[in-house]
Amino acid sequence: YKFLVTLLDSRHQNVCYFACGVLTNLTSERIGRILLKEEGTITRLVECLRDFGPSDWQLATVVCKALWNFNEDVNEAETVIGNEETNTLLDLLASFLDEQITEHCCWNVDLLEYQRTYWEVEFKPVAIKLLDKIHHHHSYLEPLPEPF
């Protein structure tokens, strides 16, 4: 599992994409979620989404699917993802779901229409479901301090 998590730190989108695809499959099982969480996978997935999201909606979609799987059997998002990562993820998803982002995300004019279509058909539905799930299980209350 460590090897896959290490691949998420790659600066190459295609390496991250394939690693996320494997992680999506591994996180479909409870034991995979537990082992991968211990390796810091969630933080790396959120970073991958932040770094590559608007320039690669396919990668952003597969990251969201892996994060969805991590939240498969959870009552509070923070217990799985962590409070800081949850807040970062909420901000990222909200900004990536703004339709204006599709006008500024693609540097290759020839791919602009493809990227817009992929964002609308593939990324947007997955991101909305993930955002709704996190909102449903997210507490906006500050945790109480540990007793002495």
N, C-alpha and C. Protein backbone atom coordinates (compact mmCIF):
# COMPACT_ATOMS: atom_id res chain seq x y z
N TYR A 1 0.81 -1.20 0.00
CA TYR A 1 0.00 0.00 0.00
C TYR A 1 0.85 1.27 0.00
N LYS A 2 2.00 1.21 0.67
CA LYS A 2 2.86 2.39 0.74
C LYS A 2 3.29 2.85 -0.65
N PHE A 3 3.55 1.88 -1.52
CA PHE A 3 3.98 2.21 -2.88
C PHE A 3 2.91 3.03 -3.60
N LEU A 4 1.65 2.62 -3.49
CA LEU A 4 0.57 3.35 -4.15
C LEU A 4 0.42 4.76 -3.59
N VAL A 5 0.53 4.89 -2.29
CA VAL A 5 0.41 6.21 -1.67
C VAL A 5 1.56 7.10 -2.13
N THR A 6 2.74 6.53 -2.27
CA THR A 6 3.89 7.28 -2.77
C THR A 6 3.64 7.79 -4.18
N LEU A 7 2.97 6.99 -4.99
CA LEU A 7 2.68 7.41 -6.37
C LEU A 7 1.78 8.64 -6.42
N LEU A 8 0.98 8.86 -5.39
CA LEU A 8 0.12 10.04 -5.35
C LEU A 8 0.93 11.33 -5.22
N ASP A 9 2.15 11.22 -4.73
CA ASP A 9 3.02 12.39 -4.61
C ASP A 9 3.70 12.75 -5.93
N SER A 10 3.47 11.96 -6.95
CA SER A 10 4.08 12.21 -8.24
C SER A 10 3.60 13.53 -8.82
N ARG A 11 4.45 14.18 -9.53
CA ARG A 11 4.08 15.42 -10.22
C ARG A 11 3.56 15.13 -11.62
N HIS A 12 3.37 13.85 -11.91
CA HIS A 12 2.86 13.44 -13.22
C HIS A 12 1.40 13.02 -13.07
N GLN A 13 0.52 13.71 -13.75
CA GLN A 13 -0.90 13.45 -13.62
C GLN A 13 -1.27 12.02 -13.98
N ASN A 14 -0.65 11.47 -15.02
CA ASN A 14 -1.03 10.12 -15.43
C ASN A 14 -0.66 9.08 -14.37
N VAL A 15 0.44 9.29 -13.65
CA VAL A 15 0.82 8.37 -12.57
C VAL A 15 -0.21 8.46 -11.44
N CYS A 16 -0.59 9.68 -11.09
CA CYS A 16 -1.60 9.88 -10.04
C CYS A 16 -2.93 9.26 -10.45
N TYR A 17 -3.28 9.42 -11.72
CA TYR A 17 -4.55 8.90 -12.21
C TYR A 17 -4.62 7.37 -12.04
N PHE A 18 -3.58 6.69 -12.47
CA PHE A 18 -3.60 5.22 -12.36
C PHE A 18 -3.53 4.76 -10.91
N ALA A 19 -2.76 5.47 -10.08
CA ALA A 19 -2.71 5.14 -8.65
C ALA A 19 -4.08 5.33 -8.01
N CYS A 20 -4.77 6.40 -8.38
CA CYS A 20 -6.11 6.66 -7.84
C CYS A 20 -7.10 5.59 -8.28
N GLY A 21 -6.96 5.12 -9.51
CA GLY A 21 -7.83 4.05 -9.99
C GLY A 21 -7.67 2.79 -9.17
N VAL A 22 -6.43 2.43 -8.88
CA VAL A 22 -6.17 1.25 -8.05
C VAL A 22 -6.70 1.48 -6.64
N LEU A 23 -6.47 2.68 -6.10
CA LEU A 23 -6.95 3.00 -4.76
C LEU A 23 -8.47 2.96 -4.68
N THR A 24 -9.13 3.38 -5.73
CA THR A 24 -10.59 3.33 -5.75
C THR A 24 -11.05 1.88 -5.59
N ASN A 25 -10.39 0.97 -6.27
CA ASN A 25 -10.73 -0.45 -6.14
C ASN A 25 -10.40 -0.98 -4.75
N LEU A 26 -9.24 -0.62 -4.23
CA LEU A 26 -8.83 -1.11 -2.91
C LEU A 26 -9.71 -0.57 -1.78
N THR A 27 -10.21 0.64 -1.94
CA THR A 27 -11.04 1.23 -0.89
C THR A 27 -12.48 0.75 -0.94
N SER A 28 -12.80 -0.10 -1.89
CA SER A 28 -14.16 -0.64 -1.93
C SER A 28 -14.36 -1.69 -0.83
N GLU A 29 -13.26 -2.20 -0.27
CA GLU A 29 -13.31 -3.16 0.83
C GLU A 29 -12.92 -2.47 2.14
N ARG A 30 -13.59 -2.81 3.22
CA ARG A 30 -13.34 -2.17 4.51
C ARG A 30 -11.88 -2.30 4.95
N ILE A 31 -11.30 -3.47 4.80
CA ILE A 31 -9.91 -3.68 5.23
C ILE A 31 -8.96 -2.80 4.43
N GLY A 32 -9.24 -2.61 3.16
CA GLY A 32 -8.43 -1.72 2.34
C GLY A 32 -8.50 -0.29 2.82
N ARG A 33 -9.70 0.15 3.20
CA ARG A 33 -9.87 1.51 3.70
C ARG A 33 -9.06 1.72 4.98
N ILE A 34 -9.10 0.73 5.86
CA ILE A 34 -8.38 0.85 7.13
C ILE A 34 -6.88 0.94 6.90
N LEU A 35 -6.35 0.02 6.09
CA LEU A 35 -4.91 -0.01 5.85
C LEU A 35 -4.44 1.24 5.10
N LEU A 36 -5.21 1.68 4.14
CA LEU A 36 -4.81 2.86 3.37
C LEU A 36 -4.92 4.14 4.18
N LYS A 37 -5.90 4.21 5.06
CA LYS A 37 -6.01 5.40 5.92
C LYS A 37 -4.77 5.55 6.78
N GLU A 38 -4.27 4.43 7.29
CA GLU A 38 -3.07 4.45 8.14
C GLU A 38 -1.84 4.95 7.38
N GLU A 39 -1.86 4.84 6.07
CA GLU A 39 -0.73 5.28 5.24
C GLU A 39 -0.82 6.75 4.84
N GLY A 40 -1.87 7.44 5.29
CA GLY A 40 -2.02 8.86 4.94
C GLY A 40 -2.59 9.09 3.56
N THR A 41 -3.32 8.12 3.06
CA THR A 41 -3.85 8.18 1.70
C THR A 41 -4.83 9.33 1.51
N ILE A 42 -5.65 9.58 2.50
CA ILE A 42 -6.69 10.61 2.35
C ILE A 42 -6.06 11.99 2.13
N THR A 43 -5.05 12.30 2.91
CA THR A 43 -4.36 13.58 2.74
C THR A 43 -3.77 13.69 1.34
N ARG A 44 -3.17 12.61 0.86
CA ARG A 44 -2.56 12.61 -0.48
C ARG A 44 -3.62 12.76 -1.57
N LEU A 45 -4.78 12.13 -1.38
CA LEU A 45 -5.86 12.25 -2.36
C LEU A 45 -6.37 13.69 -2.42
N VAL A 46 -6.54 14.31 -1.27
CA VAL A 46 -7.00 15.71 -1.24
C VAL A 46 -5.96 16.61 -1.91
N GLU A 47 -4.68 16.36 -1.65
CA GLU A 47 -3.62 17.14 -2.30
C GLU A 47 -3.63 16.94 -3.81
N CYS A 48 -3.84 15.71 -4.23
CA CYS A 48 -3.90 15.39 -5.65
C CYS A 48 -5.06 16.14 -6.31
N LEU A 49 -6.20 16.15 -5.65
CA LEU A 49 -7.36 16.88 -6.16
C LEU A 49 -7.05 18.37 -6.25
N ARG A 50 -6.42 18.90 -5.23
CA ARG A 50 -6.07 20.32 -5.21
C ARG A 50 -5.08 20.67 -6.33
N ASP A 51 -4.07 19.83 -6.50
CA ASP A 51 -3.00 20.13 -7.45
C ASP A 51 -3.42 19.95 -8.91
N PHE A 52 -4.24 18.94 -9.19
CA PHE A 52 -4.53 18.60 -10.58
C PHE A 52 -5.99 18.76 -10.99
N GLY A 53 -6.89 18.96 -10.04
CA GLY A 53 -8.32 18.96 -10.33
C GLY A 53 -8.76 19.73 -11.55
N PRO A 54 -8.61 21.04 -11.58
CA PRO A 54 -9.14 21.81 -12.71
C PRO A 54 -8.45 21.55 -14.04
N SER A 55 -7.27 20.99 -14.01
CA SER A 55 -6.59 20.73 -15.28
C SER A 55 -6.83 19.31 -15.79
N ASP A 56 -7.47 18.47 -14.97
CA ASP A 56 -7.70 17.08 -15.37
C ASP A 56 -8.95 16.56 -14.66
N TRP A 57 -10.10 16.71 -15.31
CA TRP A 57 -11.36 16.30 -14.68
C TRP A 57 -11.48 14.79 -14.55
N GLN A 58 -10.79 14.03 -15.39
CA GLN A 58 -10.80 12.58 -15.24
C GLN A 58 -10.12 12.19 -13.93
N LEU A 59 -8.98 12.78 -13.68
CA LEU A 59 -8.26 12.52 -12.43
C LEU A 59 -9.09 12.99 -11.24
N ALA A 60 -9.67 14.17 -11.33
CA ALA A 60 -10.49 14.69 -10.24
C ALA A 60 -11.66 13.75 -9.94
N THR A 61 -12.24 13.17 -10.98
CA THR A 61 -13.36 12.25 -10.80
C THR A 61 -12.93 10.99 -10.06
N VAL A 62 -11.81 10.41 -10.46
CA VAL A 62 -11.36 9.18 -9.82
C VAL A 62 -10.90 9.44 -8.38
N VAL A 63 -10.36 10.62 -8.10
CA VAL A 63 -10.03 10.99 -6.72
C VAL A 63 -11.30 11.05 -5.88
N CYS A 64 -12.33 11.68 -6.42
CA CYS A 64 -13.61 11.77 -5.69
C CYS A 64 -14.21 10.39 -5.44
N LYS A 65 -14.07 9.49 -6.39
CA LYS A 65 -14.58 8.13 -6.20
C LYS A 65 -13.84 7.41 -5.08
N ALA A 66 -12.52 7.58 -5.03
CA ALA A 66 -11.74 6.97 -3.95
C ALA A 66 -12.13 7.57 -2.60
N LEU A 67 -12.30 8.89 -2.55
CA LEU A 67 -12.71 9.53 -1.30
C LEU A 67 -14.12 9.10 -0.89
N TRP A 68 -14.99 8.90 -1.87
CA TRP A 68 -16.33 8.39 -1.58
C TRP A 68 -16.23 7.03 -0.90
N ASN A 69 -15.39 6.17 -1.44
CA ASN A 69 -15.23 4.84 -0.87
C ASN A 69 -14.72 4.90 0.57
N PHE A 70 -13.83 5.84 0.85
CA PHE A 70 -13.34 5.98 2.22
C PHE A 70 -14.47 6.32 3.18
N ASN A 71 -15.48 6.99 2.69
CA ASN A 71 -16.61 7.41 3.52
C ASN A 71 -17.79 6.46 3.44
N GLU A 72 -17.55 5.27 2.96
CA GLU A 72 -18.63 4.31 2.71
C GLU A 72 -19.48 4.02 3.95
N ASP A 73 -18.85 3.78 5.06
CA ASP A 73 -19.60 3.39 6.26
C ASP A 73 -19.23 4.30 7.43
N VAL A 74 -19.57 5.56 7.29
CA VAL A 74 -19.15 6.54 8.28
C VAL A 74 -20.34 7.41 8.71
N ASN A 75 -20.30 7.84 9.96
CA ASN A 75 -21.33 8.74 10.46
C ASN A 75 -20.85 10.18 10.55
N GLU A 76 -19.55 10.37 10.66
CA GLU A 76 -18.99 11.72 10.69
C GLU A 76 -17.78 11.76 9.77
N ALA A 77 -17.76 12.71 8.86
CA ALA A 77 -16.66 12.80 7.89
C ALA A 77 -15.32 12.97 8.58
N GLU A 78 -15.29 13.72 9.67
CA GLU A 78 -14.02 14.00 10.34
C GLU A 78 -13.38 12.74 10.91
N THR A 79 -14.19 11.73 11.27
CA THR A 79 -13.61 10.52 11.84
C THR A 79 -12.81 9.75 10.81
N VAL A 80 -13.15 9.89 9.55
CA VAL A 80 -12.42 9.19 8.50
C VAL A 80 -11.40 10.12 7.84
N ILE A 81 -11.87 11.27 7.42
CA ILE A 81 -11.01 12.16 6.64
C ILE A 81 -10.14 13.03 7.53
N GLY A 82 -10.64 13.46 8.64
CA GLY A 82 -9.92 14.41 9.48
C GLY A 82 -10.51 15.79 9.28
N ASN A 83 -10.49 16.59 10.31
CA ASN A 83 -11.14 17.90 10.28
C ASN A 83 -10.52 18.83 9.24
N GLU A 84 -9.20 18.94 9.23
CA GLU A 84 -8.53 19.84 8.29
C GLU A 84 -8.76 19.40 6.85
N GLU A 85 -8.60 18.10 6.59
CA GLU A 85 -8.82 17.59 5.24
C GLU A 85 -10.27 17.75 4.81
N THR A 86 -11.20 17.57 5.76
CA THR A 86 -12.62 17.74 5.44
C THR A 86 -12.90 19.17 5.00
N ASN A 87 -12.38 20.13 5.75
CA ASN A 87 -12.60 21.54 5.39
C ASN A 87 -11.96 21.88 4.05
N THR A 88 -10.75 21.38 3.82
CA THR A 88 -10.09 21.61 2.53
C THR A 88 -10.89 20.99 1.40
N LEU A 89 -11.36 19.77 1.61
CA LEU A 89 -12.14 19.07 0.59
C LEU A 89 -13.45 19.80 0.31
N LEU A 90 -14.12 20.27 1.34
CA LEU A 90 -15.36 21.04 1.14
C LEU A 90 -15.10 22.28 0.30
N ASP A 91 -14.02 22.99 0.60
CA ASP A 91 -13.67 24.19 -0.17
C ASP A 91 -13.34 23.85 -1.62
N LEU A 92 -12.54 22.80 -1.81
CA LEU A 92 -12.16 22.40 -3.17
C LEU A 92 -13.37 22.01 -4.00
N LEU A 93 -14.21 21.16 -3.43
CA LEU A 93 -15.38 20.70 -4.18
C LEU A 93 -16.31 21.86 -4.51
N ALA A 94 -16.52 22.75 -3.56
CA ALA A 94 -17.38 23.90 -3.83
C ALA A 94 -16.82 24.76 -4.97
N SER A 95 -15.52 24.99 -4.95
CA SER A 95 -14.94 25.82 -6.02
C SER A 95 -14.91 25.07 -7.35
N PHE A 96 -14.66 23.76 -7.33
CA PHE A 96 -14.61 22.99 -8.57
C PHE A 96 -16.00 22.76 -9.17
N LEU A 97 -17.04 22.92 -8.37
CA LEU A 97 -18.39 22.76 -8.89
C LEU A 97 -18.97 24.07 -9.45
N ASP A 98 -18.22 25.13 -9.34
CA ASP A 98 -18.62 26.40 -9.94
C ASP A 98 -18.41 26.30 -11.45
N GLU A 99 -19.47 26.48 -12.21
CA GLU A 99 -19.38 26.30 -13.66
C GLU A 99 -18.39 27.25 -14.33
N GLN A 100 -18.07 28.35 -13.69
CA GLN A 100 -17.11 29.29 -14.25
C GLN A 100 -15.72 28.67 -14.38
N ILE A 101 -15.44 27.67 -13.56
CA ILE A 101 -14.11 27.06 -13.57
C ILE A 101 -13.82 26.39 -14.91
N THR A 102 -14.84 25.91 -15.58
CA THR A 102 -14.61 25.22 -16.85
C THR A 102 -14.16 26.17 -17.95
N GLU A 103 -14.38 27.45 -17.76
CA GLU A 103 -13.94 28.42 -18.76
C GLU A 103 -12.45 28.74 -18.63
N HIS A 104 -11.87 28.44 -17.48
CA HIS A 104 -10.49 28.84 -17.22
C HIS A 104 -9.57 27.66 -16.91
N CYS A 105 -10.06 26.45 -17.04
CA CYS A 105 -9.28 25.31 -16.57
C CYS A 105 -8.42 24.66 -17.64
N CYS A 106 -8.72 24.88 -18.86
CA CYS A 106 -8.04 24.14 -19.92
C CYS A 106 -7.14 25.08 -20.71
N TRP A 107 -5.86 24.73 -20.77
CA TRP A 107 -4.92 25.59 -21.49
C TRP A 107 -4.88 25.25 -22.97
N ASN A 108 -5.37 24.10 -23.34
CA ASN A 108 -5.39 23.69 -24.73
C ASN A 108 -6.78 23.98 -25.30
N VAL A 109 -6.88 24.95 -26.17
CA VAL A 109 -8.17 25.38 -26.71
C VAL A 109 -8.88 24.23 -27.43
N ASP A 110 -8.12 23.34 -28.06
CA ASP A 110 -8.72 22.21 -28.77
C ASP A 110 -9.44 21.25 -27.82
N LEU A 111 -9.02 21.21 -26.57
CA LEU A 111 -9.63 20.30 -25.60
C LEU A 111 -10.68 20.96 -24.72
N LEU A 112 -10.91 22.23 -24.91
CA LEU A 112 -11.81 22.97 -24.03
C LEU A 112 -13.21 22.37 -24.01
N GLU A 113 -13.78 22.08 -25.15
CA GLU A 113 -15.14 21.52 -25.19
C GLU A 113 -15.18 20.13 -24.57
N TYR A 114 -14.15 19.33 -24.83
CA TYR A 114 -14.07 18.00 -24.23
C TYR A 114 -14.02 18.11 -22.71
N GLN A 115 -13.18 19.02 -22.20
CA GLN A 115 -13.06 19.20 -20.75
C GLN A 115 -14.38 19.66 -20.14
N ARG A 116 -15.06 20.58 -20.80
CA ARG A 116 -16.36 21.05 -20.30
C ARG A 116 -17.37 19.91 -20.23
N THR A 117 -17.41 19.12 -21.29
CA THR A 117 -18.34 17.99 -21.33
C THR A 117 -18.00 16.98 -20.25
N TYR A 118 -16.72 16.66 -20.10
CA TYR A 118 -16.32 15.69 -19.08
C TYR A 118 -16.66 16.22 -17.69
N TRP A 119 -16.42 17.50 -17.46
CA TRP A 119 -16.76 18.10 -16.17
C TRP A 119 -18.25 17.94 -15.89
N GLU A 120 -19.07 18.23 -16.89
CA GLU A 120 -20.53 18.20 -16.72
C GLU A 120 -21.06 16.78 -16.54
N VAL A 121 -20.58 15.85 -17.34
CA VAL A 121 -21.15 14.50 -17.38
C VAL A 121 -20.53 13.57 -16.33
N GLU A 122 -19.23 13.68 -16.09
CA GLU A 122 -18.55 12.74 -15.21
C GLU A 122 -18.20 13.33 -13.84
N PHE A 123 -17.49 14.44 -13.83
CA PHE A 123 -17.01 14.99 -12.56
C PHE A 123 -18.14 15.54 -11.70
N LYS A 124 -18.95 16.38 -12.27
CA LYS A 124 -19.98 17.09 -11.51
C LYS A 124 -20.90 16.16 -10.71
N PRO A 125 -21.45 15.09 -11.31
CA PRO A 125 -22.34 14.22 -10.53
C PRO A 125 -21.63 13.53 -9.36
N VAL A 126 -20.40 13.08 -9.58
CA VAL A 126 -19.64 12.41 -8.52
C VAL A 126 -19.29 13.41 -7.42
N ALA A 127 -18.83 14.59 -7.81
CA ALA A 127 -18.44 15.60 -6.83
C ALA A 127 -19.64 16.07 -6.01
N ILE A 128 -20.80 16.22 -6.64
CA ILE A 128 -22.00 16.64 -5.91
C ILE A 128 -22.39 15.59 -4.88
N LYS A 129 -22.34 14.32 -5.26
CA LYS A 129 -22.68 13.25 -4.31
C LYS A 129 -21.70 13.23 -3.14
N LEU A 130 -20.41 13.38 -3.44
CA LEU A 130 -19.40 13.39 -2.38
C LEU A 130 -19.60 14.60 -1.47
N LEU A 131 -19.83 15.76 -2.06
CA LEU A 131 -20.05 16.97 -1.28
C LEU A 131 -21.28 16.83 -0.38
N ASP A 132 -22.36 16.30 -0.94
CA ASP A 132 -23.58 16.09 -0.14
C ASP A 132 -23.33 15.12 1.00
N LYS A 133 -22.60 14.06 0.72
CA LYS A 133 -22.31 13.07 1.76
C LYS A 133 -21.48 13.68 2.89
N ILE A 134 -20.49 14.46 2.51
CA ILE A 134 -19.64 15.10 3.52
C ILE A 134 -20.45 16.11 4.32
N HIS A 135 -21.25 16.93 3.64
CA HIS A 135 -22.10 17.89 4.35
C HIS A 135 -23.04 17.18 5.32
N HIS A 136 -23.58 16.06 4.89
CA HIS A 136 -24.52 15.31 5.73
C HIS A 136 -23.85 14.78 7.00
N HIS A 137 -22.57 14.44 6.90
CA HIS A 137 -21.86 13.84 8.02
C HIS A 137 -20.83 14.78 8.65
N HIS A 138 -20.85 16.04 8.26
CA HIS A 138 -19.86 17.00 8.75
C HIS A 138 -20.44 17.81 9.91
N SER A 139 -19.67 17.93 10.95
CA SER A 139 -20.07 18.77 12.07
C SER A 139 -19.31 20.08 11.99
N TYR A 140 -20.03 21.17 12.08
CA TYR A 140 -19.40 22.48 12.06
C TYR A 140 -19.03 22.96 13.46
N LEU A 141 -19.27 22.11 14.44
CA LEU A 141 -18.92 22.45 15.81
C LEU A 141 -17.45 22.13 16.06
N GLU A 142 -16.82 22.95 16.86
CA GLU A 142 -15.44 22.69 17.25
C GLU A 142 -15.43 21.56 18.27
N PRO A 143 -14.48 20.62 18.15
CA PRO A 143 -14.42 19.55 19.13
C PRO A 143 -14.04 20.10 20.50
N LEU A 144 -14.55 19.46 21.53
CA LEU A 144 -14.21 19.85 22.90
C LEU A 144 -12.77 19.49 23.20
N PRO A 145 -12.11 20.28 24.03
CA PRO A 145 -10.73 19.94 24.38
C PRO A 145 -10.70 18.65 25.21
N GLU A 146 -9.56 17.98 25.14
CA GLU A 146 -9.37 16.75 25.91
C GLU A 146 -9.38 17.09 27.40
N PRO A 147 -10.01 16.25 28.23
CA PRO A 147 -9.98 16.50 29.68
C PRO A 147 -8.57 16.28 30.22
N PHE A 148 -8.27 16.96 31.28
CA PHE A 148 -6.93 16.86 31.87
C PHE A 148 -6.72 15.56 32.53
